[in-house]
């Protein structure tokens, strides 16, 4: 677990602003101390470290899942930022992901995802 925590912490540092990382960690740990350690170790230090998918692919999957779920606007906005700022996607490619999802997730959820794009880019 030590190695995955180190890799997870490095991944968080490489992909998130210190303010963003602090915010979600505090939110998780407020009522469940140590919960953020699980996310860092198991998700960012584990799942994200697996071979077979690039960060760009993972971000597309994350955005699709979050858009489909709905009610996850803060997380979706963050993943949109990471997709563009870190994973190398363009705004147009992110928008096209949501357009592609429209027949599967519906127009209302697609519109919500587009609002998250607007928030992510400060437009």
PDB file of N, CA and C in Angstrom:
ATOM      1  N   UNK A   1       0.832  -1.203   0.000  1.00  0.00           N
ATOM      2  CA  UNK A   1       0.000   0.000   0.000  1.00  0.00           C
ATOM      3  C   UNK A   1       0.868   1.255   0.000  1.00  0.00           C
ATOM      4  N   UNK A   2       2.055   1.147   0.559  1.00  0.00           N
ATOM      5  CA  UNK A   2       2.946   2.309   0.613  1.00  0.00           C
ATOM      6  C   UNK A   2       3.253   2.837  -0.783  1.00  0.00           C
ATOM      7  N   UNK A   3       3.575   1.922  -1.695  1.00  0.00           N
ATOM      8  CA  UNK A   3       3.897   2.320  -3.054  1.00  0.00           C
ATOM      9  C   UNK A   3       2.688   2.949  -3.733  1.00  0.00           C
ATOM     10  N   UNK A   4       1.507   2.380  -3.560  1.00  0.00           N
ATOM     11  CA  UNK A   4       0.325   2.946  -4.199  1.00  0.00           C
ATOM     12  C   UNK A   4      -0.051   4.297  -3.598  1.00  0.00           C
ATOM     13  N   UNK A   5       0.210   4.500  -2.311  1.00  0.00           N
ATOM     14  CA  UNK A   5      -0.040   5.823  -1.715  1.00  0.00           C
ATOM     15  C   UNK A   5       0.908   6.850  -2.324  1.00  0.00           C
ATOM     16  N   UNK A   6       2.165   6.478  -2.495  1.00  0.00           N
ATOM     17  CA  UNK A   6       3.142   7.403  -3.077  1.00  0.00           C
ATOM     18  C   UNK A   6       2.752   7.741  -4.515  1.00  0.00           C
ATOM     19  N   UNK A   7       2.382   6.722  -5.290  1.00  0.00           N
ATOM     20  CA  UNK A   7       1.974   6.956  -6.674  1.00  0.00           C
ATOM     21  C   UNK A   7       0.681   7.766  -6.713  1.00  0.00           C
ATOM     22  N   UNK A   8      -0.234   7.462  -5.805  1.00  0.00           N
ATOM     23  CA  UNK A   8      -1.490   8.195  -5.748  1.00  0.00           C
ATOM     24  C   UNK A   8      -1.282   9.649  -5.405  1.00  0.00           C
ATOM     25  N   UNK A   9      -0.451   9.916  -4.414  1.00  0.00           N
ATOM     26  CA  UNK A   9      -0.157  11.307  -4.037  1.00  0.00           C
ATOM     27  C   UNK A   9       0.507  12.047  -5.188  1.00  0.00           C
ATOM     28  N   UNK A  10       1.406  11.381  -5.909  1.00  0.00           N
ATOM     29  CA  UNK A  10       2.059  12.012  -7.055  1.00  0.00           C
ATOM     30  C   UNK A  10       1.051  12.301  -8.155  1.00  0.00           C
ATOM     31  N   UNK A  11       0.129  11.362  -8.391  1.00  0.00           N
ATOM     32  CA  UNK A  11      -0.905  11.559  -9.407  1.00  0.00           C
ATOM     33  C   UNK A  11      -1.775  12.763  -9.052  1.00  0.00           C
ATOM     34  N   UNK A  12      -2.186  12.859  -7.794  1.00  0.00           N
ATOM     35  CA  UNK A  12      -3.016  13.988  -7.354  1.00  0.00           C
ATOM     36  C   UNK A  12      -2.258  15.290  -7.568  1.00  0.00           C
ATOM     37  N   UNK A  13      -0.992  15.309  -7.193  1.00  0.00           N
ATOM     38  CA  UNK A  13      -0.175  16.511  -7.353  1.00  0.00           C
ATOM     39  C   UNK A  13      -0.040  16.904  -8.829  1.00  0.00           C
ATOM     40  N   UNK A  14       0.085  15.906  -9.695  1.00  0.00           N
ATOM     41  CA  UNK A  14       0.265  16.154 -11.131  1.00  0.00           C
ATOM     42  C   UNK A  14      -1.012  16.566 -11.846  1.00  0.00           C
ATOM     43  N   UNK A  15      -2.169  16.201 -11.313  1.00  0.00           N
ATOM     44  CA  UNK A  15      -3.416  16.392 -12.052  1.00  0.00           C
ATOM     45  C   UNK A  15      -4.415  17.357 -11.422  1.00  0.00           C
ATOM     46  N   UNK A  16      -4.176  17.762 -10.175  1.00  0.00           N
ATOM     47  CA  UNK A  16      -5.150  18.612  -9.490  1.00  0.00           C
ATOM     48  C   UNK A  16      -4.450  19.798  -8.848  1.00  0.00           C
ATOM     49  N   UNK A  17      -5.180  20.882  -8.733  1.00  0.00           N
ATOM     50  CA  UNK A  17      -4.625  22.028  -8.009  1.00  0.00           C
ATOM     51  C   UNK A  17      -4.614  21.684  -6.525  1.00  0.00           C
ATOM     52  N   UNK A  18      -3.707  22.274  -5.771  1.00  0.00           N
ATOM     53  CA  UNK A  18      -3.693  22.014  -4.321  1.00  0.00           C
ATOM     54  C   UNK A  18      -5.036  22.345  -3.665  1.00  0.00           C
ATOM     55  N   UNK A  19      -5.687  23.410  -4.130  1.00  0.00           N
ATOM     56  CA  UNK A  19      -6.977  23.814  -3.554  1.00  0.00           C
ATOM     57  C   UNK A  19      -8.049  22.763  -3.816  1.00  0.00           C
ATOM     58  N   UNK A  20      -8.066  22.254  -5.033  1.00  0.00           N
ATOM     59  CA  UNK A  20      -9.058  21.234  -5.397  1.00  0.00           C
ATOM     60  C   UNK A  20      -8.847  19.960  -4.596  1.00  0.00           C
ATOM     61  N   UNK A  21      -7.607  19.508  -4.519  1.00  0.00           N
ATOM     62  CA  UNK A  21      -7.304  18.283  -3.774  1.00  0.00           C
ATOM     63  C   UNK A  21      -7.657  18.435  -2.301  1.00  0.00           C
ATOM     64  N   UNK A  22      -7.310  19.570  -1.726  1.00  0.00           N
ATOM     65  CA  UNK A  22      -7.620  19.813  -0.317  1.00  0.00           C
ATOM     66  C   UNK A  22      -9.127  19.796  -0.085  1.00  0.00           C
ATOM     67  N   UNK A  23      -9.880  20.389  -1.009  1.00  0.00           N
ATOM     68  CA  UNK A  23     -11.341  20.484  -0.842  1.00  0.00           C
ATOM     69  C   UNK A  23     -11.987  19.099  -0.813  1.00  0.00           C
ATOM     70  N   UNK A  24     -11.688  18.227  -1.790  1.00  0.00           N
ATOM     71  CA  UNK A  24     -12.364  16.928  -1.791  1.00  0.00           C
ATOM     72  C   UNK A  24     -11.868  16.042  -0.658  1.00  0.00           C
ATOM     73  N   UNK A  25     -10.593  16.169  -0.290  1.00  0.00           N
ATOM     74  CA  UNK A  25     -10.074  15.372   0.831  1.00  0.00           C
ATOM     75  C   UNK A  25     -10.758  15.779   2.139  1.00  0.00           C
ATOM     76  N   UNK A  26     -10.881  17.079   2.377  1.00  0.00           N
ATOM     77  CA  UNK A  26     -11.548  17.552   3.599  1.00  0.00           C
ATOM     78  C   UNK A  26     -13.004  17.122   3.625  1.00  0.00           C
ATOM     79  N   UNK A  27     -13.667  17.183   2.480  1.00  0.00           N
ATOM     80  CA  UNK A  27     -15.078  16.795   2.417  1.00  0.00           C
ATOM     81  C   UNK A  27     -15.251  15.319   2.768  1.00  0.00           C
ATOM     82  N   UNK A  28     -14.390  14.462   2.232  1.00  0.00           N
ATOM     83  CA  UNK A  28     -14.479  13.037   2.552  1.00  0.00           C
ATOM     84  C   UNK A  28     -14.129  12.759   4.013  1.00  0.00           C
ATOM     85  N   UNK A  29     -13.094  13.413   4.500  1.00  0.00           N
ATOM     86  CA  UNK A  29     -12.575  13.114   5.834  1.00  0.00           C
ATOM     87  C   UNK A  29     -13.357  13.756   6.973  1.00  0.00           C
ATOM     88  N   UNK A  30     -14.195  14.737   6.658  1.00  0.00           N
ATOM     89  CA  UNK A  30     -14.945  15.433   7.706  1.00  0.00           C
ATOM     90  C   UNK A  30     -15.750  14.464   8.574  1.00  0.00           C
ATOM     91  N   UNK A  31     -16.454  13.548   7.943  1.00  0.00           N
ATOM     92  CA  UNK A  31     -17.284  12.608   8.691  1.00  0.00           C
ATOM     93  C   UNK A  31     -16.740  11.186   8.667  1.00  0.00           C
ATOM     94  N   UNK A  32     -15.755  10.957   7.818  1.00  0.00           N
ATOM     95  CA  UNK A  32     -15.160   9.625   7.709  1.00  0.00           C
ATOM     96  C   UNK A  32     -13.632   9.778   7.614  1.00  0.00           C
ATOM     97  N   UNK A  33     -12.997  10.077   8.742  1.00  0.00           N
ATOM     98  CA  UNK A  33     -11.550  10.305   8.708  1.00  0.00           C
ATOM     99  C   UNK A  33     -10.806   9.154   8.026  1.00  0.00           C
ATOM    100  N   UNK A  34      -9.893   9.520   7.127  1.00  0.00           N
ATOM    101  CA  UNK A  34      -9.109   8.530   6.410  1.00  0.00           C
ATOM    102  C   UNK A  34      -9.705   8.090   5.085  1.00  0.00           C
ATOM    103  N   UNK A  35     -10.940   8.494   4.791  1.00  0.00           N
ATOM    104  CA  UNK A  35     -11.574   8.084   3.537  1.00  0.00           C
ATOM    105  C   UNK A  35     -10.794   8.589   2.331  1.00  0.00           C
ATOM    106  N   UNK A  36     -10.220   9.774   2.439  1.00  0.00           N
ATOM    107  CA  UNK A  36      -9.456  10.305   1.307  1.00  0.00           C
ATOM    108  C   UNK A  36      -8.198   9.476   1.049  1.00  0.00           C
ATOM    109  N   UNK A  37      -7.647   8.859   2.100  1.00  0.00           N
ATOM    110  CA  UNK A  37      -6.481   7.992   1.908  1.00  0.00           C
ATOM    111  C   UNK A  37      -6.833   6.799   1.024  1.00  0.00           C
ATOM    112  N   UNK A  38      -8.035   6.277   1.191  1.00  0.00           N
ATOM    113  CA  UNK A  38      -8.458   5.157   0.347  1.00  0.00           C
ATOM    114  C   UNK A  38      -8.522   5.599  -1.115  1.00  0.00           C
ATOM    115  N   UNK A  39      -9.109   6.773  -1.373  1.00  0.00           N
ATOM    116  CA  UNK A  39      -9.208   7.265  -2.750  1.00  0.00           C
ATOM    117  C   UNK A  39      -7.814   7.454  -3.341  1.00  0.00           C
ATOM    118  N   UNK A  40      -6.925   8.082  -2.578  1.00  0.00           N
ATOM    119  CA  UNK A  40      -5.565   8.319  -3.072  1.00  0.00           C
ATOM    120  C   UNK A  40      -4.859   7.003  -3.361  1.00  0.00           C
ATOM    121  N   UNK A  41      -4.912   6.054  -2.435  1.00  0.00           N
ATOM    122  CA  UNK A  41      -4.199   4.800  -2.596  1.00  0.00           C
ATOM    123  C   UNK A  41      -4.831   3.852  -3.593  1.00  0.00           C
ATOM    124  N   UNK A  42      -6.120   3.600  -3.441  1.00  0.00           N
ATOM    125  CA  UNK A  42      -6.789   2.590  -4.264  1.00  0.00           C
ATOM    126  C   UNK A  42      -7.141   3.094  -5.660  1.00  0.00           C
ATOM    127  N   UNK A  43      -7.617   4.331  -5.743  1.00  0.00           N
ATOM    128  CA  UNK A  43      -8.063   4.843  -7.038  1.00  0.00           C
ATOM    129  C   UNK A  43      -6.886   5.468  -7.798  1.00  0.00           C
ATOM    130  N   UNK A  44      -6.313   6.537  -7.232  1.00  0.00           N
ATOM    131  CA  UNK A  44      -5.255   7.247  -7.959  1.00  0.00           C
ATOM    132  C   UNK A  44      -3.928   6.483  -7.953  1.00  0.00           C
ATOM    133  N   UNK A  45      -3.669   5.725  -6.905  1.00  0.00           N
ATOM    134  CA  UNK A  45      -2.445   4.940  -6.838  1.00  0.00           C
ATOM    135  C   UNK A  45      -2.613   3.514  -7.322  1.00  0.00           C
ATOM    136  N   UNK A  46      -3.848   3.116  -7.602  1.00  0.00           N
ATOM    137  CA  UNK A  46      -4.132   1.751  -8.041  1.00  0.00           C
ATOM    138  C   UNK A  46      -4.765   1.722  -9.422  1.00  0.00           C
ATOM    139  N   UNK A  47      -6.058   1.986  -9.477  1.00  0.00           N
ATOM    140  CA  UNK A  47      -6.804   1.898 -10.725  1.00  0.00           C
ATOM    141  C   UNK A  47      -6.182   2.753 -11.827  1.00  0.00           C
ATOM    142  N   UNK A  48      -5.847   3.996 -11.503  1.00  0.00           N
ATOM    143  CA  UNK A  48      -5.280   4.903 -12.510  1.00  0.00           C
ATOM    144  C   UNK A  48      -3.890   4.469 -12.973  1.00  0.00           C
ATOM    145  N   UNK A  49      -3.228   3.608 -12.226  1.00  0.00           N
ATOM    146  CA  UNK A  49      -1.871   3.167 -12.572  1.00  0.00           C
ATOM    147  C   UNK A  49      -1.859   1.924 -13.460  1.00  0.00           C
ATOM    148  N   UNK A  50      -2.993   1.326 -13.665  1.00  0.00           N
ATOM    149  CA  UNK A  50      -3.066   0.106 -14.478  1.00  0.00           C
ATOM    150  C   UNK A  50      -2.721   0.426 -15.929  1.00  0.00           C
ATOM    151  N   UNK A  51      -2.131  -0.546 -16.597  1.00  0.00           N
ATOM    152  CA  UNK A  51      -1.818  -0.398 -18.019  1.00  0.00           C
ATOM    153  C   UNK A  51      -3.079  -0.637 -18.846  1.00  0.00           C
ATOM    154  N   UNK A  52      -3.057  -0.177 -20.071  1.00  0.00           N
ATOM    155  CA  UNK A  52      -4.153  -0.465 -20.987  1.00  0.00           C
ATOM    156  C   UNK A  52      -4.963   0.740 -21.395  1.00  0.00           C
ATOM    157  N   UNK A  53      -5.011   1.761 -20.560  1.00  0.00           N
ATOM    158  CA  UNK A  53      -5.740   2.979 -20.897  1.00  0.00           C
ATOM    159  C   UNK A  53      -4.855   4.181 -20.585  1.00  0.00           C
ATOM    160  N   UNK A  54      -4.892   5.152 -21.464  1.00  0.00           N
ATOM    161  CA  UNK A  54      -4.189   6.411 -21.208  1.00  0.00           C
ATOM    162  C   UNK A  54      -5.092   7.304 -20.364  1.00  0.00           C
ATOM    163  N   UNK A  55      -4.524   8.344 -19.772  1.00  0.00           N
ATOM    164  CA  UNK A  55      -5.302   9.267 -18.947  1.00  0.00           C
ATOM    165  C   UNK A  55      -6.457   9.871 -19.751  1.00  0.00           C
ATOM    166  N   UNK A  56      -6.224  10.186 -21.004  1.00  0.00           N
ATOM    167  CA  UNK A  56      -7.276  10.735 -21.871  1.00  0.00           C
ATOM    168  C   UNK A  56      -8.477   9.780 -21.932  1.00  0.00           C
ATOM    169  N   UNK A  57      -8.201   8.489 -22.116  1.00  0.00           N
ATOM    170  CA  UNK A  57      -9.271   7.491 -22.170  1.00  0.00           C
ATOM    171  C   UNK A  57     -10.013   7.420 -20.841  1.00  0.00           C
ATOM    172  N   UNK A  58      -9.263   7.430 -19.770  1.00  0.00           N
ATOM    173  CA  UNK A  58      -9.876   7.363 -18.435  1.00  0.00           C
ATOM    174  C   UNK A  58     -10.767   8.578 -18.187  1.00  0.00           C
ATOM    175  N   UNK A  59     -10.314   9.739 -18.628  1.00  0.00           N
ATOM    176  CA  UNK A  59     -11.111  10.953 -18.435  1.00  0.00           C
ATOM    177  C   UNK A  59     -12.405  10.885 -19.248  1.00  0.00           C
ATOM    178  N   UNK A  60     -12.340  10.344 -20.465  1.00  0.00           N
ATOM    179  CA  UNK A  60     -13.574  10.196 -21.250  1.00  0.00           C
ATOM    180  C   UNK A  60     -14.554   9.270 -20.541  1.00  0.00           C
ATOM    181  N   UNK A  61     -14.043   8.173 -20.004  1.00  0.00           N
ATOM    182  CA  UNK A  61     -14.905   7.243 -19.266  1.00  0.00           C
ATOM    183  C   UNK A  61     -15.491   7.904 -18.020  1.00  0.00           C
ATOM    184  N   UNK A  62     -14.657   8.637 -17.297  1.00  0.00           N
ATOM    185  CA  UNK A  62     -15.135   9.334 -16.093  1.00  0.00           C
ATOM    186  C   UNK A  62     -16.218  10.339 -16.445  1.00  0.00           C
ATOM    187  N   UNK A  63     -15.972  11.133 -17.491  1.00  0.00           N
ATOM    188  CA  UNK A  63     -16.957  12.137 -17.881  1.00  0.00           C
ATOM    189  C   UNK A  63     -18.264  11.477 -18.308  1.00  0.00           C
ATOM    190  N   UNK A  64     -18.176  10.389 -19.048  1.00  0.00           N
ATOM    191  CA  UNK A  64     -19.386   9.697 -19.492  1.00  0.00           C
ATOM    192  C   UNK A  64     -20.173   9.162 -18.301  1.00  0.00           C
ATOM    193  N   UNK A  65     -19.479   8.527 -17.374  1.00  0.00           N
ATOM    194  CA  UNK A  65     -20.167   7.957 -16.208  1.00  0.00           C
ATOM    195  C   UNK A  65     -20.810   9.044 -15.360  1.00  0.00           C
ATOM    196  N   UNK A  66     -20.071  10.114 -15.104  1.00  0.00           N
ATOM    197  CA  UNK A  66     -20.596  11.191 -14.261  1.00  0.00           C
ATOM    198  C   UNK A  66     -21.763  11.910 -14.936  1.00  0.00           C
ATOM    199  N   UNK A  67     -21.655  12.135 -16.240  1.00  0.00           N
ATOM    200  CA  UNK A  67     -22.759  12.776 -16.964  1.00  0.00           C
ATOM    201  C   UNK A  67     -23.996  11.888 -16.939  1.00  0.00           C
ATOM    202  N   UNK A  68     -23.808  10.588 -17.100  1.00  0.00           N
ATOM    203  CA  UNK A  68     -24.936   9.651 -17.102  1.00  0.00           C
ATOM    204  C   UNK A  68     -25.603   9.576 -15.731  1.00  0.00           C
ATOM    205  N   UNK A  69     -24.806   9.630 -14.673  1.00  0.00           N
ATOM    206  CA  UNK A  69     -25.371   9.550 -13.321  1.00  0.00           C
ATOM    207  C   UNK A  69     -26.203  10.770 -12.984  1.00  0.00           C
ATOM    208  N   UNK A  70     -25.724  11.935 -13.364  1.00  0.00           N
ATOM    209  CA  UNK A  70     -26.386  13.170 -12.967  1.00  0.00           C
ATOM    210  C   UNK A  70     -26.172  13.435 -11.490  1.00  0.00           C
ATOM    211  N   UNK A  71     -26.343  14.679 -11.091  1.00  0.00           N
ATOM    212  CA  UNK A  71     -26.161  15.047  -9.695  1.00  0.00           C
ATOM    213  C   UNK A  71     -24.708  15.046  -9.253  1.00  0.00           C
ATOM    214  N   UNK A  72     -23.804  15.028 -10.205  1.00  0.00           N
ATOM    215  CA  UNK A  72     -22.369  14.957  -9.904  1.00  0.00           C
ATOM    216  C   UNK A  72     -21.631  16.144 -10.529  1.00  0.00           C
ATOM    217  N   UNK A  73     -22.304  17.275 -10.624  1.00  0.00           N
ATOM    218  CA  UNK A  73     -21.754  18.409 -11.363  1.00  0.00           C
ATOM    219  C   UNK A  73     -20.379  18.868 -10.868  1.00  0.00           C
ATOM    220  N   UNK A  74     -20.135  18.952  -9.557  1.00  0.00           N
ATOM    221  CA  UNK A  74     -18.784  19.379  -9.139  1.00  0.00           C
ATOM    222  C   UNK A  74     -17.696  18.407  -9.612  1.00  0.00           C
ATOM    223  N   UNK A  75     -17.972  17.118  -9.518  1.00  0.00           N
ATOM    224  CA  UNK A  75     -16.993  16.126  -9.948  1.00  0.00           C
ATOM    225  C   UNK A  75     -16.826  16.145 -11.472  1.00  0.00           C
ATOM    226  N   UNK A  76     -17.933  16.257 -12.200  1.00  0.00           N
ATOM    227  CA  UNK A  76     -17.864  16.309 -13.657  1.00  0.00           C
ATOM    228  C   UNK A  76     -17.082  17.535 -14.107  1.00  0.00           C
ATOM    229  N   UNK A  77     -17.326  18.670 -13.491  1.00  0.00           N
ATOM    230  CA  UNK A  77     -16.593  19.891 -13.829  1.00  0.00           C
ATOM    231  C   UNK A  77     -15.093  19.684 -13.621  1.00  0.00           C
ATOM    232  N   UNK A  78     -14.716  19.068 -12.521  1.00  0.00           N
ATOM    233  CA  UNK A  78     -13.304  18.802 -12.251  1.00  0.00           C
ATOM    234  C   UNK A  78     -12.684  17.869 -13.277  1.00  0.00           C
ATOM    235  N   UNK A  79     -13.422  16.840 -13.670  1.00  0.00           N
ATOM    236  CA  UNK A  79     -12.884  15.908 -14.665  1.00  0.00           C
ATOM    237  C   UNK A  79     -12.788  16.549 -16.047  1.00  0.00           C
ATOM    238  N   UNK A  80     -13.690  17.454 -16.356  1.00  0.00           N
ATOM    239  CA  UNK A  80     -13.590  18.197 -17.620  1.00  0.00           C
ATOM    240  C   UNK A  80     -12.312  19.025 -17.616  1.00  0.00           C
ATOM    241  N   UNK A  81     -12.042  19.714 -16.511  1.00  0.00           N
ATOM    242  CA  UNK A  81     -10.804  20.505 -16.408  1.00  0.00           C
ATOM    243  C   UNK A  81      -9.579  19.616 -16.591  1.00  0.00           C
ATOM    244  N   UNK A  82      -9.570  18.463 -15.929  1.00  0.00           N
ATOM    245  CA  UNK A  82      -8.434  17.548 -16.042  1.00  0.00           C
ATOM    246  C   UNK A  82      -8.297  17.030 -17.467  1.00  0.00           C
ATOM    247  N   UNK A  83      -9.410  16.737 -18.122  1.00  0.00           N
ATOM    248  CA  UNK A  83      -9.365  16.239 -19.497  1.00  0.00           C
ATOM    249  C   UNK A  83      -8.661  17.222 -20.421  1.00  0.00           C
ATOM    250  N   UNK A  84      -8.927  18.503 -20.226  1.00  0.00           N
ATOM    251  CA  UNK A  84      -8.340  19.528 -21.092  1.00  0.00           C
ATOM    252  C   UNK A  84      -6.953  19.950 -20.599  1.00  0.00           C
ATOM    253  N   UNK A  85      -6.841  20.245 -19.316  1.00  0.00           N
ATOM    254  CA  UNK A  85      -5.593  20.801 -18.786  1.00  0.00           C
ATOM    255  C   UNK A  85      -4.474  19.776 -18.655  1.00  0.00           C
ATOM    256  N   UNK A  86      -4.821  18.520 -18.404  1.00  0.00           N
ATOM    257  CA  UNK A  86      -3.803  17.504 -18.120  1.00  0.00           C
ATOM    258  C   UNK A  86      -3.773  16.405 -19.181  1.00  0.00           C
ATOM    259  N   UNK A  87      -4.944  15.945 -19.624  1.00  0.00           N
ATOM    260  CA  UNK A  87      -5.001  14.801 -20.528  1.00  0.00           C
ATOM    261  C   UNK A  87      -4.918  15.187 -22.005  1.00  0.00           C
ATOM    262  N   UNK A  88      -4.904  16.472 -22.304  1.00  0.00           N
ATOM    263  CA  UNK A  88      -4.681  16.907 -23.678  1.00  0.00           C
ATOM    264  C   UNK A  88      -5.884  16.955 -24.587  1.00  0.00           C
ATOM    265  N   UNK A  89      -7.075  16.839 -24.042  1.00  0.00           N
ATOM    266  CA  UNK A  89      -8.267  16.941 -24.884  1.00  0.00           C
ATOM    267  C   UNK A  89      -8.553  18.406 -25.183  1.00  0.00           C
ATOM    268  N   UNK A  90      -9.213  18.654 -26.310  1.00  0.00           N
ATOM    269  CA  UNK A  90      -9.656  20.008 -26.624  1.00  0.00           C
ATOM    270  C   UNK A  90     -11.078  20.196 -26.090  1.00  0.00           C
ATOM    271  N   UNK A  91     -11.486  21.441 -25.984  1.00  0.00           N
ATOM    272  CA  UNK A  91     -12.860  21.735 -25.574  1.00  0.00           C
ATOM    273  C   UNK A  91     -13.848  21.108 -26.558  1.00  0.00           C
ATOM    274  N   UNK A  92     -13.494  21.146 -27.830  1.00  0.00           N
ATOM    275  CA  UNK A  92     -14.366  20.598 -28.864  1.00  0.00           C
ATOM    276  C   UNK A  92     -14.514  19.083 -28.710  1.00  0.00           C
ATOM    277  N   UNK A  93     -13.440  18.408 -28.348  1.00  0.00           N
ATOM    278  CA  UNK A  93     -13.508  16.958 -28.145  1.00  0.00           C
ATOM    279  C   UNK A  93     -14.357  16.612 -26.928  1.00  0.00           C
ATOM    280  N   UNK A  94     -14.241  17.402 -25.875  1.00  0.00           N
ATOM    281  CA  UNK A  94     -15.074  17.168 -24.692  1.00  0.00           C
ATOM    282  C   UNK A  94     -16.539  17.361 -25.056  1.00  0.00           C
ATOM    283  N   UNK A  95     -16.832  18.435 -25.766  1.00  0.00           N
ATOM    284  CA  UNK A  95     -18.219  18.684 -26.192  1.00  0.00           C
ATOM    285  C   UNK A  95     -18.735  17.536 -27.051  1.00  0.00           C
ATOM    286  N   UNK A  96     -17.898  17.035 -27.945  1.00  0.00           N
ATOM    287  CA  UNK A  96     -18.305  15.936 -28.823  1.00  0.00           C
ATOM    288  C   UNK A  96     -18.595  14.668 -28.026  1.00  0.00           C
ATOM    289  N   UNK A  97     -17.858  14.458 -26.939  1.00  0.00           N
ATOM    290  CA  UNK A  97     -18.149  13.313 -26.059  1.00  0.00           C
ATOM    291  C   UNK A  97     -19.584  13.395 -25.549  1.00  0.00           C
ATOM    292  N   UNK A  98     -19.973  14.587 -25.108  1.00  0.00           N
ATOM    293  CA  UNK A  98     -21.318  14.742 -24.566  1.00  0.00           C
ATOM    294  C   UNK A  98     -22.380  14.644 -25.658  1.00  0.00           C
ATOM    295  N   UNK A  99     -22.097  15.172 -26.845  1.00  0.00           N
ATOM    296  CA  UNK A  99     -23.034  15.037 -27.969  1.00  0.00           C
ATOM    297  C   UNK A  99     -23.209  13.555 -28.303  1.00  0.00           C
ATOM    298  N   UNK A 100     -22.103  12.811 -28.306  1.00  0.00           N
ATOM    299  CA  UNK A 100     -22.178  11.375 -28.593  1.00  0.00           C
ATOM    300  C   UNK A 100     -23.043  10.654 -27.558  1.00  0.00           C
ATOM    301  N   UNK A 101     -22.986  11.095 -26.308  1.00  0.00           N
ATOM    302  CA  UNK A 101     -23.753  10.458 -25.240  1.00  0.00           C
ATOM    303  C   UNK A 101     -25.243  10.798 -25.271  1.00  0.00           C
ATOM    304  N   UNK A 102     -25.607  11.866 -25.961  1.00  0.00           N
ATOM    305  CA  UNK A 102     -26.985  12.363 -25.900  1.00  0.00           C
ATOM    306  C   UNK A 102     -28.050  11.292 -26.136  1.00  0.00           C
ATOM    307  N   UNK A 103     -27.928  10.432 -27.144  1.00  0.00           N
ATOM    308  CA  UNK A 103     -28.981   9.428 -27.315  1.00  0.00           C
ATOM    309  C   UNK A 103     -29.025   8.401 -26.187  1.00  0.00           C
ATOM    310  N   UNK A 104     -27.940   8.279 -25.448  1.00  0.00           N
ATOM    311  CA  UNK A 104     -27.850   7.279 -24.379  1.00  0.00           C
ATOM    312  C   UNK A 104     -28.237   7.835 -23.010  1.00  0.00           C
ATOM    313  N   UNK A 105     -27.913   9.109 -22.770  1.00  0.00           N
ATOM    314  CA  UNK A 105     -28.173   9.679 -21.439  1.00  0.00           C
ATOM    315  C   UNK A 105     -29.292  10.713 -21.450  1.00  0.00           C
ATOM    316  N   UNK A 106     -29.717  11.147 -22.645  1.00  0.00           N
ATOM    317  CA  UNK A 106     -30.808  12.098 -22.767  1.00  0.00           C
ATOM    318  C   UNK A 106     -30.340  13.538 -22.861  1.00  0.00           C
ATOM    319  N   UNK A 107     -31.229  14.362 -23.369  1.00  0.00           N
ATOM    320  CA  UNK A 107     -30.926  15.782 -23.566  1.00  0.00           C
ATOM    321  C   UNK A 107     -30.719  16.502 -22.235  1.00  0.00           C
ATOM    322  N   UNK A 108     -31.557  16.288 -21.207  1.00  0.00           N
ATOM    323  CA  UNK A 108     -31.340  17.025 -19.957  1.00  0.00           C
ATOM    324  C   UNK A 108     -29.956  16.781 -19.337  1.00  0.00           C
ATOM    325  N   UNK A 109     -29.505  15.545 -19.330  1.00  0.00           N
ATOM    326  CA  UNK A 109     -28.183  15.258 -18.748  1.00  0.00           C
ATOM    327  C   UNK A 109     -27.070  15.803 -19.638  1.00  0.00           C
ATOM    328  N   UNK A 110     -27.286  15.800 -20.941  1.00  0.00           N
ATOM    329  CA  UNK A 110     -26.309  16.389 -21.852  1.00  0.00           C
ATOM    330  C   UNK A 110     -26.216  17.891 -21.614  1.00  0.00           C
ATOM    331  N   UNK A 111     -27.349  18.548 -21.448  1.00  0.00           N
ATOM    332  CA  UNK A 111     -27.344  19.984 -21.159  1.00  0.00           C
ATOM    333  C   UNK A 111     -26.639  20.274 -19.829  1.00  0.00           C
ATOM    334  N   UNK A 112     -26.874  19.427 -18.841  1.00  0.00           N
ATOM    335  CA  UNK A 112     -26.187  19.600 -17.553  1.00  0.00           C
ATOM    336  C   UNK A 112     -24.680  19.456 -17.730  1.00  0.00           C
ATOM    337  N   UNK A 113     -24.253  18.503 -18.551  1.00  0.00           N
ATOM    338  CA  UNK A 113     -22.819  18.321 -18.819  1.00  0.00           C
ATOM    339  C   UNK A 113     -22.246  19.544 -19.523  1.00  0.00           C
ATOM    340  N   UNK A 114     -22.998  20.121 -20.444  1.00  0.00           N
ATOM    341  CA  UNK A 114     -22.539  21.319 -21.147  1.00  0.00           C
ATOM    342  C   UNK A 114     -22.427  22.505 -20.178  1.00  0.00           C
ATOM    343  N   UNK A 115     -23.323  22.570 -19.189  1.00  0.00           N
ATOM    344  CA  UNK A 115     -23.201  23.624 -18.168  1.00  0.00           C
ATOM    345  C   UNK A 115     -21.921  23.418 -17.355  1.00  0.00           C
ATOM    346  N   UNK A 116     -21.580  22.166 -17.118  1.00  0.00           N
ATOM    347  CA  UNK A 116     -20.320  21.872 -16.407  1.00  0.00           C
ATOM    348  C   UNK A 116     -19.129  22.297 -17.246  1.00  0.00           C
ATOM    349  N   UNK A 117     -19.214  22.146 -18.561  1.00  0.00           N
ATOM    350  CA  UNK A 117     -18.136  22.631 -19.430  1.00  0.00           C
ATOM    351  C   UNK A 117     -17.991  24.138 -19.276  1.00  0.00           C
ATOM    352  N   UNK A 118     -19.108  24.824 -19.283  1.00  0.00           N
ATOM    353  CA  UNK A 118     -19.089  26.291 -19.137  1.00  0.00           C
ATOM    354  C   UNK A 118     -18.440  26.674 -17.804  1.00  0.00           C
ATOM    355  N   UNK A 119     -18.793  25.972 -16.755  1.00  0.00           N
ATOM    356  CA  UNK A 119     -18.203  26.243 -15.432  1.00  0.00           C
ATOM    357  C   UNK A 119     -16.705  25.915 -15.417  1.00  0.00           C
ATOM    358  N   UNK A 120     -16.330  24.805 -16.066  1.00  0.00           N
ATOM    359  CA  UNK A 120     -14.929  24.391 -16.081  1.00  0.00           C
ATOM    360  C   UNK A 120     -14.040  25.396 -16.769  1.00  0.00           C
ATOM    361  N   UNK A 121     -14.584  26.053 -17.792  1.00  0.00           N
ATOM    362  CA  UNK A 121     -13.781  26.967 -18.574  1.00  0.00           C
ATOM    363  C   UNK A 121     -14.047  28.423 -18.209  1.00  0.00           C
ATOM    364  N   UNK A 122     -14.869  28.635 -17.166  1.00  0.00           N
ATOM    365  CA  UNK A 122     -15.134  29.997 -16.706  1.00  0.00           C
ATOM    366  C   UNK A 122     -15.814  30.871 -17.741  1.00  0.00           C
ATOM    367  N   UNK A 123     -16.660  30.251 -18.536  1.00  0.00           N
ATOM    368  CA  UNK A 123     -17.343  30.999 -19.607  1.00  0.00           C
ATOM    369  C   UNK A 123     -18.763  31.314 -19.240  1.00  0.00           C
TER     370      UNK A 123
END
